[in-house]
Protein backbone atom coordinates (compact mmCIF):
# COMPACT_ATOMS: atom_id res chain seq x y z
CA MET A 1 27.25 0.75 -14.45
CA VAL A 2 25.47 3.71 -16.57
CA ARG A 3 22.44 3.33 -14.18
CA CYS A 4 25.06 3.66 -11.03
CA LEU A 5 27.03 6.71 -12.48
CA VAL A 6 23.46 7.87 -13.14
CA SER A 7 22.44 7.44 -9.67
CA LEU A 8 25.50 8.92 -8.11
CA CYS A 9 25.16 11.89 -10.12
CA ALA A 10 21.67 12.53 -8.74
CA ARG A 11 22.81 12.57 -5.56
CA GLU A 12 25.59 15.02 -6.03
CA VAL A 13 22.45 17.30 -7.54
CA VAL A 14 20.16 17.07 -4.75
CA ARG A 15 22.75 17.80 -2.03
CA ASN A 16 22.90 20.99 -2.62
CA HIS A 17 19.25 22.86 -2.43
CA SER A 18 20.19 26.16 -3.46
CA SER A 19 21.56 25.39 -6.98
CA SER A 20 18.40 23.41 -7.60
CA PRO A 21 17.01 27.11 -9.07
CA SER A 22 20.27 26.67 -11.80
CA TRP A 23 18.89 23.17 -12.94
CA LEU A 24 15.44 22.28 -12.26
CA GLY A 25 14.03 23.94 -15.21
CA TRP A 26 16.25 22.48 -17.68
CA VAL A 27 16.24 18.57 -16.50
CA PRO A 28 15.29 16.37 -18.96
CA ARG A 29 11.88 14.10 -18.23
CA GLU A 30 13.92 11.14 -18.00
CA LEU A 31 16.22 12.08 -15.37
CA TYR A 32 12.93 13.18 -13.05
CA ARG A 33 12.92 9.60 -11.75
CA PRO A 34 16.72 9.18 -10.65
CA LEU A 35 16.45 12.46 -9.28
CA LEU A 36 13.54 11.83 -6.90
CA GLU A 37 15.23 8.17 -6.04
CA ALA A 38 18.21 10.06 -5.18
CA ALA A 39 16.28 12.84 -2.87
CA PHE A 40 14.52 9.93 -1.10
CA ALA A 41 17.38 7.81 -0.37
CA SER A 42 19.42 11.29 0.83
CA GLY A 43 16.36 12.34 2.81
CA ARG A 44 16.04 15.71 0.69
CA PRO A 45 12.71 16.49 1.54
CA LEU A 46 12.70 20.01 -0.37
CA ALA A 47 14.01 18.66 -3.37
CA VAL A 48 11.82 15.80 -3.29
CA GLY A 49 8.83 18.53 -3.25
CA GLU A 50 10.15 20.64 -5.65
CA LEU A 51 10.25 17.54 -8.18
CA ALA A 52 7.01 16.18 -7.56
CA GLN A 53 5.47 20.01 -8.12
CA CYS A 54 6.58 19.77 -11.85
CA TRP A 55 6.72 16.28 -12.41
CA PRO A 56 6.61 15.68 -16.05
CA GLU A 57 5.06 12.48 -16.16
CA ARG A 58 1.36 11.19 -15.94
CA THR A 59 2.36 9.02 -13.70
CA LEU A 60 4.29 9.06 -10.20
CA ARG A 61 4.89 6.19 -8.26
CA VAL A 62 6.99 5.81 -5.40
CA GLY A 63 7.15 2.75 -3.20
CA GLY A 64 7.34 -0.95 -4.51
CA PRO A 65 8.20 -4.18 -4.06
CA LYS A 66 10.38 -4.88 -0.72
CA THR A 67 14.18 -5.85 -1.69
CA LYS A 68 17.38 -5.99 0.56
CA GLU A 69 18.54 -2.30 -0.65
CA SER A 70 15.31 -0.74 0.01
CA ILE A 71 15.18 1.39 3.26
CA SER A 72 11.75 2.77 4.70
CA PRO A 73 10.84 6.10 3.49
CA ASN A 74 11.63 9.40 5.43
CA ARG A 75 8.93 11.02 7.33
CA LEU A 76 9.55 14.45 6.01
CA CYS A 77 10.41 13.41 2.59
CA VAL A 78 6.82 11.66 2.51
CA GLN A 79 5.20 14.48 3.94
CA ALA A 80 6.92 17.07 1.31
CA LEU A 81 5.71 14.68 -1.42
CA LEU A 82 2.12 15.16 -0.61
CA LEU A 83 2.22 18.97 -0.10
CA ALA A 84 3.85 19.49 -3.24
CA VAL A 85 1.16 17.33 -4.66
CA VAL A 86 -1.29 19.62 -3.41
CA ARG A 87 0.65 22.82 -4.09
CA GLY A 88 0.54 21.40 -7.84
CA LEU A 89 -3.23 21.61 -8.30
CA GLY A 90 -3.00 24.79 -7.35
CA ASP A 91 -0.44 25.95 -10.00
CA ARG A 92 -2.50 23.49 -12.27
CA ARG A 93 -5.84 26.06 -12.40
CA SER A 94 -3.50 28.85 -12.87
CA GLY A 95 -1.92 27.52 -15.95
CA GLY A 96 1.39 26.10 -14.46
CA PHE A 97 4.24 26.54 -12.05
CA VAL A 98 6.42 29.54 -13.00
CA HIS A 99 10.02 29.24 -12.54
CA VAL A 100 12.41 32.29 -12.88
CA LEU A 101 15.83 31.98 -14.03
CA MET A 102 18.23 35.21 -13.57
CA PHE A 103 21.92 35.29 -14.46
CA HIS A 104 24.47 37.40 -15.80
CA CYS A 105 25.52 37.67 -19.37
CA THR A 106 28.56 36.88 -20.58
CA LEU A 107 29.46 40.29 -21.77
CA LYS A 108 29.82 41.11 -18.11
CA LEU A 109 26.66 43.81 -18.33
CA PRO A 110 25.59 45.14 -14.54
CA HIS A 111 22.16 43.60 -15.36
CA CYS A 112 20.27 40.34 -15.24
CA ILE A 113 18.71 38.43 -17.84
CA CYS A 114 15.90 36.95 -16.71
CA ILE A 115 14.18 33.90 -18.61
CA VAL A 116 10.52 33.05 -17.08
CA ILE A 117 9.86 29.43 -17.52
CA LEU A 118 6.36 27.97 -17.40
CA ILE A 119 6.29 24.16 -15.78
CA ARG A 120 2.98 22.46 -15.93
CA CYS A 121 2.43 19.59 -14.06
CA VAL A 122 0.59 16.73 -16.35
CA LEU A 123 0.46 14.46 -12.99
CA GLN A 124 -2.53 12.20 -13.20
CA VAL A 125 -1.90 9.27 -11.05
CA LEU A 126 -0.07 9.49 -7.84
CA ASP A 127 1.10 5.51 -6.74
CA LEU A 128 2.23 5.45 -3.06
CA CYS A 129 1.36 1.33 -3.29
CA GLY A 130 4.09 0.16 -1.04
CA LEU A 131 5.13 3.18 0.55
CA HIS A 132 5.50 2.52 4.33
CA GLY A 133 8.12 1.09 6.65
CA ASP A 134 7.21 -0.79 9.69
CA GLU A 135 5.15 1.15 12.25
CA GLY A 136 7.22 2.15 15.29
CA GLY A 137 10.23 1.43 13.30
CA THR A 138 13.69 2.51 13.93
CA GLY A 139 14.68 5.96 12.66
CA ASP A 140 12.12 8.79 11.08
CA SER A 141 10.08 6.47 8.91
CA MET A 142 6.57 6.44 8.16
CA GLY A 143 4.54 3.20 9.06
CA GLY A 144 1.53 2.24 7.37
CA TRP A 145 -0.82 3.93 9.94
CA SER A 146 0.86 7.31 9.67
CA LEU A 147 1.08 7.33 5.72
CA THR A 148 -2.42 6.56 5.72
CA VAL A 149 -3.32 9.36 7.79
CA ALA A 150 -1.25 11.39 5.89
CA VAL A 151 -2.74 10.78 2.76
CA CYS A 152 -6.50 10.85 4.03
CA THR A 153 -5.51 14.16 5.36
CA MET A 154 -3.70 15.66 1.65
CA VAL A 155 -7.37 14.75 -0.08
CA VAL A 156 -9.58 16.65 2.61
CA GLN A 157 -7.29 19.48 2.29
CA ALA A 158 -7.14 19.60 -1.18
CA LYS A 159 -11.08 19.79 -1.81
CA ALA A 160 -10.44 22.50 1.13
CA GLY A 161 -8.06 24.21 -1.19
CA VAL A 162 -10.59 24.37 -4.00
CA LYS A 163 -13.43 25.51 -2.24
CA ARG A 164 -11.02 28.40 -1.11
CA THR A 165 -10.03 29.03 -4.69
CA GLN A 166 -14.03 29.38 -5.59
CA LYS A 167 -14.36 31.45 -2.86
CA LYS A 168 -11.05 33.85 -4.28
CA ASP A 169 -12.16 33.60 -7.70
CA GLY A 170 -15.99 34.24 -6.79
CA ASP A 171 -14.79 37.43 -4.83
CA ARG A 172 -12.73 38.62 -7.76
CA GLU A 173 -15.58 38.28 -10.47
CA ARG A 174 -18.07 39.94 -7.90
CA LYS A 175 -15.56 43.27 -7.55
CA ARG A 176 -15.35 43.08 -11.05
CA PHE A 177 -19.05 43.52 -11.98
CA SER A 178 -19.21 46.02 -9.16
CA ALA A 179 -16.37 47.93 -10.62
CA LEU A 180 -18.15 47.66 -14.26
CA GLU A 181 -21.57 48.73 -12.86
CA ARG A 182 -19.78 51.94 -11.12
CA GLU A 183 -17.97 52.66 -14.51
CA MET A 184 -21.56 52.34 -16.13
CA ASP A 185 -23.05 54.74 -13.58
CA LEU A 186 -20.52 57.37 -14.35
CA LYS A 187 -21.16 57.02 -17.99
CA ARG A 188 -24.39 57.65 -17.66
CA GLU A 189 -23.85 60.67 -15.44
CA ARG A 190 -21.31 62.21 -17.85
CA ALA A 191 -23.79 61.70 -20.77
CA GLN A 192 -26.48 63.20 -19.42
CA LYS A 193 -24.65 66.42 -18.22
CA LYS A 194 -22.63 66.63 -21.81
CA GLY A 195 -26.33 66.02 -23.46
CA SER A 196 -24.19 63.52 -25.63
CA VAL A 197 -26.95 61.09 -26.66
CA GLU A 198 -27.42 59.72 -29.94
CA PRO A 199 -30.56 61.17 -31.89
CA ASN A 200 -31.17 57.63 -33.09
CA SER A 201 -31.28 55.54 -29.58
CA GLY A 202 -34.23 57.11 -28.50
CA GLY A 203 -32.45 59.16 -25.42
CA THR A 204 -32.27 55.63 -23.69
CA GLY A 205 -28.41 54.95 -23.30
CA PHE A 206 -25.44 56.61 -24.39
CA SER A 207 -22.96 56.54 -27.79
CA GLY A 208 -23.20 52.76 -28.94
CA PHE A 209 -24.84 49.99 -30.31
CA VAL A 210 -26.21 48.68 -26.86
CA SER A 211 -28.41 50.88 -24.54
CA GLU A 212 -27.19 51.89 -21.10
CA GLN A 213 -30.06 50.30 -19.31
CA ASP A 214 -30.03 46.86 -21.35
CA LEU A 215 -26.15 46.42 -20.64
CA THR A 216 -27.11 47.58 -17.22
CA LYS A 217 -29.72 44.59 -16.85
CA GLY A 218 -27.45 42.38 -18.49
CA VAL A 219 -24.20 43.10 -15.81
CA ARG A 220 -26.79 42.80 -13.30
CA ARG A 221 -28.50 39.54 -13.88
CA ARG A 222 -24.96 37.87 -13.90
CA MET A 223 -24.02 39.22 -10.86
CA GLU A 224 -27.68 37.77 -9.36
CA THR A 225 -26.54 34.51 -10.92
CA GLU A 226 -23.52 34.26 -9.48
CA ARG A 227 -24.72 35.53 -6.07
CA LYS A 228 -26.85 32.40 -5.88
CA LYS A 229 -24.23 30.22 -6.73
CA ARG A 230 -22.39 31.50 -3.77
CA THR A 231 -24.76 31.38 -1.10
CA GLY A 232 -26.17 27.89 -2.42
CA LEU A 233 -29.60 29.07 -2.89
CA GLU A 234 -29.82 26.88 -6.03
CA ASP A 235 -28.99 23.58 -4.28
CA SER A 236 -29.33 20.90 -6.34
CA ASN A 237 -27.08 22.52 -9.19
CA THR A 238 -24.63 23.26 -6.64
CA GLU A 239 -24.57 19.61 -5.31
CA GLU A 240 -24.87 18.04 -9.17
CA LYS A 241 -21.45 20.32 -9.41
CA GLU A 242 -19.62 18.92 -6.47
CA ASP A 243 -20.87 15.31 -7.74
CA ASN A 244 -19.28 15.90 -11.26
CA CYS A 245 -16.22 17.87 -9.83
CA ASP A 246 -13.46 16.87 -11.99
CA VAL A 247 -10.53 14.88 -10.83
CA LEU A 248 -7.47 15.91 -11.14
CA VAL A 249 -5.32 13.32 -9.51
CA HIS A 250 -5.97 9.65 -8.56
CA VAL A 251 -4.14 8.72 -5.48
CA ARG A 252 -3.40 4.95 -4.87
CA ALA A 253 -2.30 4.04 -1.54
CA ASP A 254 -2.13 0.57 0.68
CA LEU A 255 -4.55 1.76 3.44
CA PHE A 256 -3.95 1.09 7.32
CA VAL A 257 -7.18 1.30 9.51
CA ASN A 258 -8.01 1.01 12.98
CA ALA A 259 -9.97 2.56 15.55
CA ARG A 260 -8.23 5.72 15.17
CA SER A 261 -7.83 6.26 11.87
CA TRP A 262 -11.67 4.89 10.62
CA GLU A 263 -13.28 8.51 11.02
CA ARG A 264 -9.94 10.20 8.81
CA VAL A 265 -10.36 7.23 5.95
CA ARG A 266 -14.15 7.75 6.08
CA VAL A 267 -14.08 11.31 5.31
CA ALA A 268 -11.55 10.79 2.35
CA LEU A 269 -13.45 8.27 0.87
CA THR A 270 -16.60 10.53 0.77
CA THR A 271 -15.06 13.32 -0.47
CA SER A 272 -15.73 14.64 -3.90
CA GLY A 273 -12.58 16.57 -4.75
CA PRO A 274 -9.76 17.46 -7.14
CA LEU A 275 -7.86 13.82 -5.58
CA LYS A 276 -9.31 10.76 -5.81
CA LEU A 277 -8.71 7.97 -3.03
CA GLN A 278 -8.27 4.42 -4.67
CA CYS A 279 -7.04 1.69 -2.60
CA ARG A 280 -4.84 -1.54 -3.77
CA TYR A 281 -4.63 -3.61 -0.55
CA LEU A 282 -7.13 -2.79 2.90
CA ARG A 283 -5.78 -3.64 6.35
CA VAL A 284 -8.32 -3.46 9.17
CA GLU A 285 -7.11 -3.83 13.07
CA GLU A 286 -9.69 -4.37 16.01
CA ILE A 287 -12.93 -2.63 14.39
CA SER A 288 -16.25 -4.30 14.41
CA VAL A 289 -18.04 -5.87 11.64
CA SER A 290 -20.38 -2.91 10.67
CA SER A 291 -17.57 -0.87 10.29
CA ILE A 292 -15.72 -3.08 8.21
CA ARG A 293 -18.74 -3.44 6.17
CA THR A 294 -19.17 0.56 5.93
CA LEU A 295 -15.55 1.17 4.47
CA LEU A 296 -15.83 -1.76 1.95
CA SER A 297 -18.95 0.23 0.56
CA LEU A 298 -17.27 3.29 0.54
CA LEU A 299 -14.19 1.74 -1.29
CA PRO A 300 -14.25 1.90 -5.22
CA ARG A 301 -15.12 -1.30 -6.79
CA LEU A 302 -11.87 -1.49 -9.28
CA GLY A 303 -8.23 -1.65 -8.35
CA LEU A 304 -8.61 -3.65 -4.60
CA LEU A 305 -6.36 -6.64 -4.88
CA GLY A 306 -6.42 -7.51 -0.87
CA VAL A 307 -8.28 -7.47 2.37
CA ASP A 308 -6.03 -8.07 5.62
CA ILE A 309 -8.21 -8.34 8.56
CA ARG A 310 -6.59 -8.49 12.09
CA TYR A 311 -7.54 -8.89 15.93
CA SER A 312 -11.20 -7.90 15.08
CA SER A 313 -14.00 -10.23 16.90
CA LEU A 314 -16.10 -11.27 13.25
CA GLY A 315 -17.12 -14.92 14.52
CA VAL A 316 -18.11 -16.89 11.66
CA ALA A 317 -21.37 -15.17 11.02
CA GLY A 318 -19.47 -11.71 10.99
CA LEU A 319 -17.19 -13.50 8.31
CA ALA A 320 -20.07 -14.90 6.21
CA GLU A 321 -21.97 -11.41 6.30
CA LEU A 322 -18.62 -10.06 4.76
CA LEU A 323 -17.77 -12.29 1.76
CA PRO A 324 -20.76 -11.13 -0.35
CA LEU A 325 -19.32 -7.47 0.01
CA LEU A 326 -15.81 -8.43 -0.89
CA SER A 327 -17.42 -10.56 -3.92
CA SER A 328 -17.91 -6.96 -5.58
CA PHE A 329 -14.43 -6.23 -6.16
CA PRO A 330 -13.71 -8.21 -8.99
CA SER A 331 -9.61 -8.20 -8.96
CA LEU A 332 -9.86 -9.05 -5.21
CA ASN A 333 -6.95 -12.25 -5.31
CA SER A 334 -6.11 -11.75 -1.41
CA LEU A 335 -7.82 -12.43 1.52
CA ARG A 336 -6.26 -12.46 4.91
CA LEU A 337 -7.82 -13.15 8.61
CA HIS A 338 -5.53 -12.90 11.71
CA TYR A 339 -6.79 -13.94 15.34
CA CYS A 340 -10.54 -12.51 14.24
CA ASN A 341 -11.64 -15.29 16.64
CA LEU A 342 -14.03 -17.81 14.57
CA ASP A 343 -13.39 -20.36 16.79
CA PHE A 344 -16.19 -22.91 15.52
CA ARG A 345 -18.01 -25.02 17.82
CA ARG A 346 -20.65 -27.81 16.74
CA ASP A 347 -22.50 -27.35 19.88
CA GLN A 348 -23.51 -24.10 19.32
CA PHE A 349 -26.95 -23.57 17.77
CA GLY A 350 -26.56 -21.95 14.38
CA GLN A 351 -22.48 -22.88 13.69
CA GLU A 352 -23.34 -25.46 10.82
CA ASP A 353 -25.65 -22.69 9.02
CA ALA A 354 -23.31 -19.85 9.27
CA LEU A 355 -20.41 -22.68 8.24
CA ARG A 356 -22.14 -23.67 5.25
CA SER A 357 -22.76 -19.47 4.67
CA LEU A 358 -19.17 -19.02 4.95
CA SER A 359 -18.17 -21.55 2.09
CA GLN A 360 -20.69 -20.12 -0.19
CA GLY A 361 -18.95 -17.18 0.20
CA LEU A 362 -15.77 -17.99 -0.67
CA ALA A 363 -17.29 -19.41 -3.48
CA SER A 364 -18.06 -16.15 -4.79
CA LEU A 365 -14.39 -15.29 -4.57
CA GLN A 366 -13.78 -15.49 -8.31
CA GLU A 367 -9.91 -14.66 -8.39
CA LEU A 368 -8.60 -15.44 -5.00
CA ARG A 369 -5.38 -16.72 -5.18
CA ARG A 370 -3.91 -16.11 -1.37
CA LEU A 371 -5.83 -17.10 1.77
CA SER A 372 -4.41 -16.93 4.86
CA LEU A 373 -6.27 -17.86 8.37
CA THR A 374 -4.16 -17.61 11.33
CA ALA A 375 -5.24 -19.00 14.80
CA LEU A 376 -8.62 -18.93 13.86
CA ARG A 377 -9.27 -22.99 15.41
CA LEU A 378 -11.50 -24.17 12.89
CA PRO A 379 -9.95 -28.33 12.96
CA GLY A 380 -11.49 -30.70 10.77
CA GLN A 381 -13.23 -27.83 8.64
CA LEU A 382 -10.60 -27.36 6.10
CA ARG A 383 -12.05 -29.33 3.51
CA VAL A 384 -15.49 -27.34 3.88
CA LEU A 385 -13.74 -23.91 3.20
CA LEU A 386 -10.93 -24.72 0.42
CA SER A 387 -13.63 -27.16 -1.80
CA SER A 388 -15.87 -23.80 -2.66
CA LEU A 389 -13.06 -22.26 -3.97
CA PRO A 390 -13.40 -22.03 -7.96
CA GLN A 391 -9.91 -21.47 -8.27
CA PRO A 392 -6.53 -23.34 -6.99
CA LEU A 393 -4.71 -21.23 -4.27
CA GLU A 394 -1.36 -20.27 -5.23
CA ILE A 395 -0.38 -19.02 -1.64
CA LEU A 396 -1.75 -20.88 1.67
CA GLU A 397 -0.90 -19.82 5.04
CA LEU A 398 -2.63 -21.89 7.76
CA PRO A 399 -0.50 -21.12 11.13
CA TYR A 400 -1.84 -21.91 14.74
CA LEU A 401 -5.05 -23.65 12.86
CA SER A 402 -4.83 -26.80 14.88
CA LEU A 403 -5.20 -28.73 11.96
CA SER A 404 -6.55 -32.28 12.39
CA PRO A 405 -4.99 -35.40 10.19
CA SER A 406 -8.34 -35.11 7.75
CA ASP A 407 -7.42 -31.67 7.27
CA LEU A 408 -3.70 -32.63 5.89
CA ALA A 409 -5.21 -35.44 4.20
CA TYR A 410 -7.95 -33.52 2.20
CA LEU A 411 -4.98 -30.71 1.64
CA SER A 412 -2.44 -33.26 -0.09
CA CYS A 413 -5.37 -34.68 -2.53
CA SER A 414 -7.34 -30.88 -3.28
CA HIS A 415 -6.97 -29.18 -6.13
CA HIS A 416 -4.94 -26.50 -4.73
CA ALA A 417 -1.79 -28.98 -4.30
CA SER A 418 -0.43 -28.79 -7.33
CA ALA A 419 -0.98 -24.92 -8.00
CA LEU A 420 0.64 -23.95 -4.43
CA GLN A 421 3.33 -21.19 -4.56
CA GLN A 422 3.63 -20.88 -0.53
CA LEU A 423 2.43 -22.91 2.15
CA ASP A 424 2.89 -21.79 5.59
CA LEU A 425 1.67 -24.81 8.18
CA SER A 426 3.51 -23.29 11.45
CA GLU A 427 2.68 -24.17 14.96
CA ASN A 428 0.89 -27.28 13.31
CA ARG A 429 1.59 -30.21 15.12
CA LEU A 430 3.05 -33.25 13.00
CA ASP A 431 3.48 -36.93 13.89
CA ASP A 432 3.52 -40.09 12.13
CA SER A 433 0.03 -40.28 11.37
CA THR A 434 -0.07 -37.01 9.41
CA LEU A 435 3.70 -37.45 7.88
CA PRO A 436 2.07 -39.54 4.72
CA SER A 437 -0.19 -36.39 4.12
CA ILE A 438 2.27 -33.88 4.55
CA ARG A 439 4.77 -36.20 1.97
CA ARG A 440 1.96 -36.56 -0.44
CA LEU A 441 1.26 -32.91 -0.52
CA LEU A 442 4.88 -31.99 -1.21
CA SER A 443 4.99 -34.61 -3.98
CA GLN A 444 2.15 -32.68 -5.42
CA ALA A 445 3.79 -29.28 -5.12
CA SER A 446 7.12 -30.27 -5.97
CA SER A 447 7.05 -28.54 -9.40
CA SER A 448 5.64 -25.42 -7.84
CA LEU A 449 6.31 -24.50 -4.45
CA GLN A 450 8.82 -22.14 -3.87
CA HIS A 451 8.17 -21.13 0.03
CA LEU A 452 7.69 -23.55 2.72
CA SER A 453 7.16 -22.98 6.46
CA LEU A 454 7.25 -25.55 9.09
CA SER A 455 8.57 -23.99 11.74
CA GLY A 456 6.87 -24.83 15.39
CA CYS A 457 5.60 -28.18 14.32
CA GLY A 458 7.05 -31.08 16.62
CA LEU A 459 10.11 -32.34 13.83
CA THR A 460 11.84 -34.51 15.82
CA ASP A 461 15.28 -35.92 14.14
CA SER A 462 13.28 -39.01 12.94
CA LEU A 463 10.39 -37.18 11.66
CA LEU A 464 12.86 -34.81 9.77
CA GLY A 465 14.83 -37.95 8.09
CA LEU A 466 11.57 -39.18 6.70
CA LEU A 467 10.72 -35.55 5.20
CA LEU A 468 13.70 -34.98 3.92
CA PRO A 469 13.94 -36.72 0.49
CA SER A 470 10.17 -35.03 -0.14
CA PHE A 471 12.20 -31.96 0.85
CA GLY A 472 14.90 -32.43 -1.79
CA CYS A 473 12.37 -33.06 -4.75
CA CYS A 474 11.06 -29.36 -4.51
CA ARG A 475 13.42 -28.48 -7.06
CA ALA A 476 11.89 -24.90 -6.81
CA LEU A 477 12.00 -24.23 -3.17
CA LYS A 478 14.12 -20.69 -2.30
CA SER A 479 13.10 -20.38 1.13
CA LEU A 480 12.55 -22.79 4.14
CA ALA A 481 11.79 -21.90 7.72
CA LEU A 482 12.11 -24.81 10.10
CA ALA A 483 12.36 -22.74 13.25
CA LEU A 484 11.92 -23.93 16.74
CA ASN A 485 11.63 -27.77 16.22
CA PRO A 486 13.33 -30.05 18.85
CA LEU A 487 16.37 -31.03 16.47
CA SER A 488 19.61 -32.02 17.54
CA MET A 489 22.97 -30.79 15.80
CA ALA A 490 23.21 -34.26 13.95
CA GLY A 491 19.58 -33.36 12.36
CA LEU A 492 20.74 -29.98 11.62
CA LEU A 493 23.95 -31.24 9.76
CA ASP A 494 21.78 -33.58 7.45
CA LEU A 495 18.72 -31.11 6.61
CA VAL A 496 21.88 -28.48 5.49
CA GLN A 497 23.42 -31.32 3.67
CA MET A 498 19.99 -31.46 1.91
CA ALA A 499 19.58 -27.75 1.67
CA VAL A 500 22.69 -27.17 -0.35
CA ARG A 501 21.61 -30.12 -3.14
CA LEU A 502 18.38 -27.49 -4.05
CA PRO A 503 19.47 -25.78 -6.37
CA ASN A 504 16.99 -22.40 -5.95
CA LEU A 505 17.19 -22.45 -2.43
CA ARG A 506 18.23 -19.25 -1.09
CA GLN A 507 17.57 -18.94 2.60
CA LEU A 508 17.33 -21.49 5.20
CA LEU A 509 15.83 -20.42 9.14
CA TYR A 510 17.04 -23.55 11.26
CA PRO A 511 16.40 -24.04 14.85
CA ASN A 512 18.84 -23.50 17.73
CA PRO A 513 19.96 -27.30 18.48
CA LEU A 514 18.96 -28.91 21.77
CA GLU A 515 22.87 -28.86 22.67
CA ASP A 516 22.50 -25.13 22.88
CA TYR A 517 19.87 -25.00 25.51
CA GLN A 518 20.55 -25.48 29.14
CA PRO A 519 20.14 -28.17 31.15
CA GLY A 520 16.30 -29.02 31.95
CA LEU A 521 14.39 -28.90 28.76
CA PRO A 522 11.85 -31.58 28.39
CA ASP A 523 12.86 -34.78 26.02
CA LEU A 524 10.32 -33.26 23.33
CA PRO A 525 9.71 -29.46 24.16
CA SER A 526 6.98 -27.56 22.67
CA SER A 527 7.78 -24.60 19.95
CA ALA A 528 6.48 -22.05 23.44
CA GLN A 529 9.24 -23.68 25.51
CA LEU A 530 11.98 -23.80 22.95
CA LEU A 531 11.39 -19.75 22.56
CA ASP A 532 11.40 -18.92 26.29
CA TRP A 533 13.97 -21.51 27.48
CA PRO A 534 17.60 -19.71 27.68
CA LEU A 535 20.19 -21.17 25.71
CA ASP A 536 23.68 -22.18 27.45
CA GLU A 537 26.04 -19.27 27.99
CA SER A 538 28.74 -21.78 28.34
CA THR A 539 28.62 -23.11 24.97
CA ASP A 540 29.54 -21.10 22.25
CA ILE A 541 26.97 -20.49 19.24
CA ASN A 542 29.09 -19.59 16.99
CA VAL A 543 30.45 -23.44 17.07
CA THR A 544 26.99 -24.49 15.66
CA SER A 545 27.33 -21.65 12.67
CA SER A 546 30.93 -22.47 11.77
CA GLN A 547 30.03 -26.42 11.38
CA LEU A 548 26.93 -25.82 9.07
CA ASN A 549 28.83 -22.64 7.31
CA ARG A 550 31.26 -25.41 6.43
CA VAL A 551 28.87 -27.79 5.03
CA LEU A 552 28.20 -24.52 2.75
CA LEU A 553 31.74 -24.28 1.87
CA ASP A 554 32.66 -27.45 0.81
CA SER A 555 29.51 -27.55 -1.52
CA GLY A 556 30.22 -24.42 -3.09
CA ARG A 557 27.13 -22.64 -1.91
CA GLY A 558 27.95 -19.31 -1.13
CA ASP A 559 24.27 -18.01 -1.90
CA LEU A 560 22.43 -19.92 0.52
CA ILE A 561 21.97 -17.78 3.61
CA LEU A 562 21.83 -19.88 6.75
CA THR A 563 20.02 -18.57 10.13
CA CYS A 564 18.68 -18.86 13.14
CA ASP A 565 17.34 -15.41 13.84
CA LEU A 566 13.48 -15.75 13.73
CA LEU A 567 12.74 -12.24 14.35
CA ASN A 568 14.68 -10.63 11.22
CA TYR A 569 13.80 -13.75 8.93
CA ASP A 570 11.97 -12.25 5.88
CA LYS A 571 11.29 -14.90 2.78
CA ASP A 572 10.15 -12.09 0.56
CA LEU A 573 13.53 -10.41 0.21
CA VAL A 574 14.42 -13.80 -1.38
CA ALA A 575 14.47 -12.73 -5.32
């Protein structure tokens, strides 16, 4: 209740930007977080910028895990945040952010009382991990690629700002020394005209403890040193100074790199300045093996948790070449490969050696807990890939992998089975020969499995009936996806009646029953046919939903969500 009240008040405060001078200097540090969240939620970029520029804590974390209530970040708010961080660097070098409050005193005097508040930004870590929506989504949201470009631009601009500041400081020092030299020349001329030379000075200076000639030499020596530093004559010293440049803020973000953003990311990672770019999750698309290798060599060793490679023609040899580089990241626990064209063939020369190198490379990933292999066409090779992993996997995603019966038999008996929390076997054809292995696998993972996807696996009513007891043993299951399977309405009712008995199940993605399709559908349609075949307009789809929801009402399971919307289904929204 108190938190909701604070959030409501924060929205009212940030709504009127013209009133910010009256409260910004007096806000307690514990209220900065609710105010910033309210500014993001309300789309107030000016308020976001002012709060970020004088952030009172060492860490500013924006984003986080995706929830049902979370919304995609507003592009203008994100840009205002990044701009405020760069501006705050200049305020920090100048000593702080000056905030001026002016108000009339209570005695009704015509004069204003002016209070100057020096607000120091102590920000050391800017955490943007998770702060991005879907690229090209609705509204003015910022996707992963756009955020990557914006963050890298901020890092480069911060370094340019430091150079401009150093140039201004150098010009200011040069002017000061020049003014001091002119002043000394004037004093020397006056001293010579007046003849006011100390008797004990040896006629070499004006009155004082230091001779005029020595002081002039000292000033000129300092000016010469400053000039050499500015012009770059001392290259080695200047280069060492740049390498040891103080990092004021560490910027953590999830990077999305493709051919268009590759050069921008490379420049940002090689830039030494007040902002240091760090990566938590790296996603690369449609770039070559050599570019990925270069990118991995530039990333800081600490902090990288996952790598996601998509639509890149790696080949088995290319992936085997990258795995030793991945092993140098001690915290790496996730590796995802989507449509990377491995396509193992025994008839090609050198494929066996490449596969052996691939297995050895996976064995070097000591902390790997998540492995996703999508459409890699490696039938019969699952044992070679997974048996070398030193630790059991918690998340295993193998869609479109053309798994053979021997692959499923190995997986059901492997050391990974009892530790699995998420399992995705979508678009792998299941039949009577593979059913015993699936049932054994579900039995082994029954105490740990939370998310299961068997969409597009060709499950008929008879096959589903044999699997329902195994589903019922998975008491920890939170989401179950069975879309694009040829089930009848009777099979769906049996499925829902089983689902309501699972206490932790919160989402069930079910397929449209065969009765809802137009006539002409084959007896055993594939998932592609079910996806493309039109639904019968004469059939009321709401009737199916009503019958399934009636089962929920009768069982008192109002917390279980039933959906056939494959495009908007997201298991990560389950708490």
